[in-house]
Amino acid sequence: MSARAKCLAALTVLALLGIGPIPTTTLLGFYVVLRRPRWFRDLIADLYAEAEKPRSAEGTR
């Protein structure tokens, strides 16, 4: 699964959880800012690595 698909799935789950009374997105944001987990840094690196791939590898029209 690509990093983009993982981010989209996670954001969809967070949007669904955000309907409840607990602000999950805010809590996750605080966690990422305060703790700076390795998985977040790796995810961002994967996203930028995917963006830097040449478009010709995806196929031409």
Foldseek 3Di string as FASTA:
>chain_A
DALVVVVVVVVVVQVVVCVDPDNPVVVVVVCCVPVVDPVVVVSVVRVVVVVPDDPPVVPDD
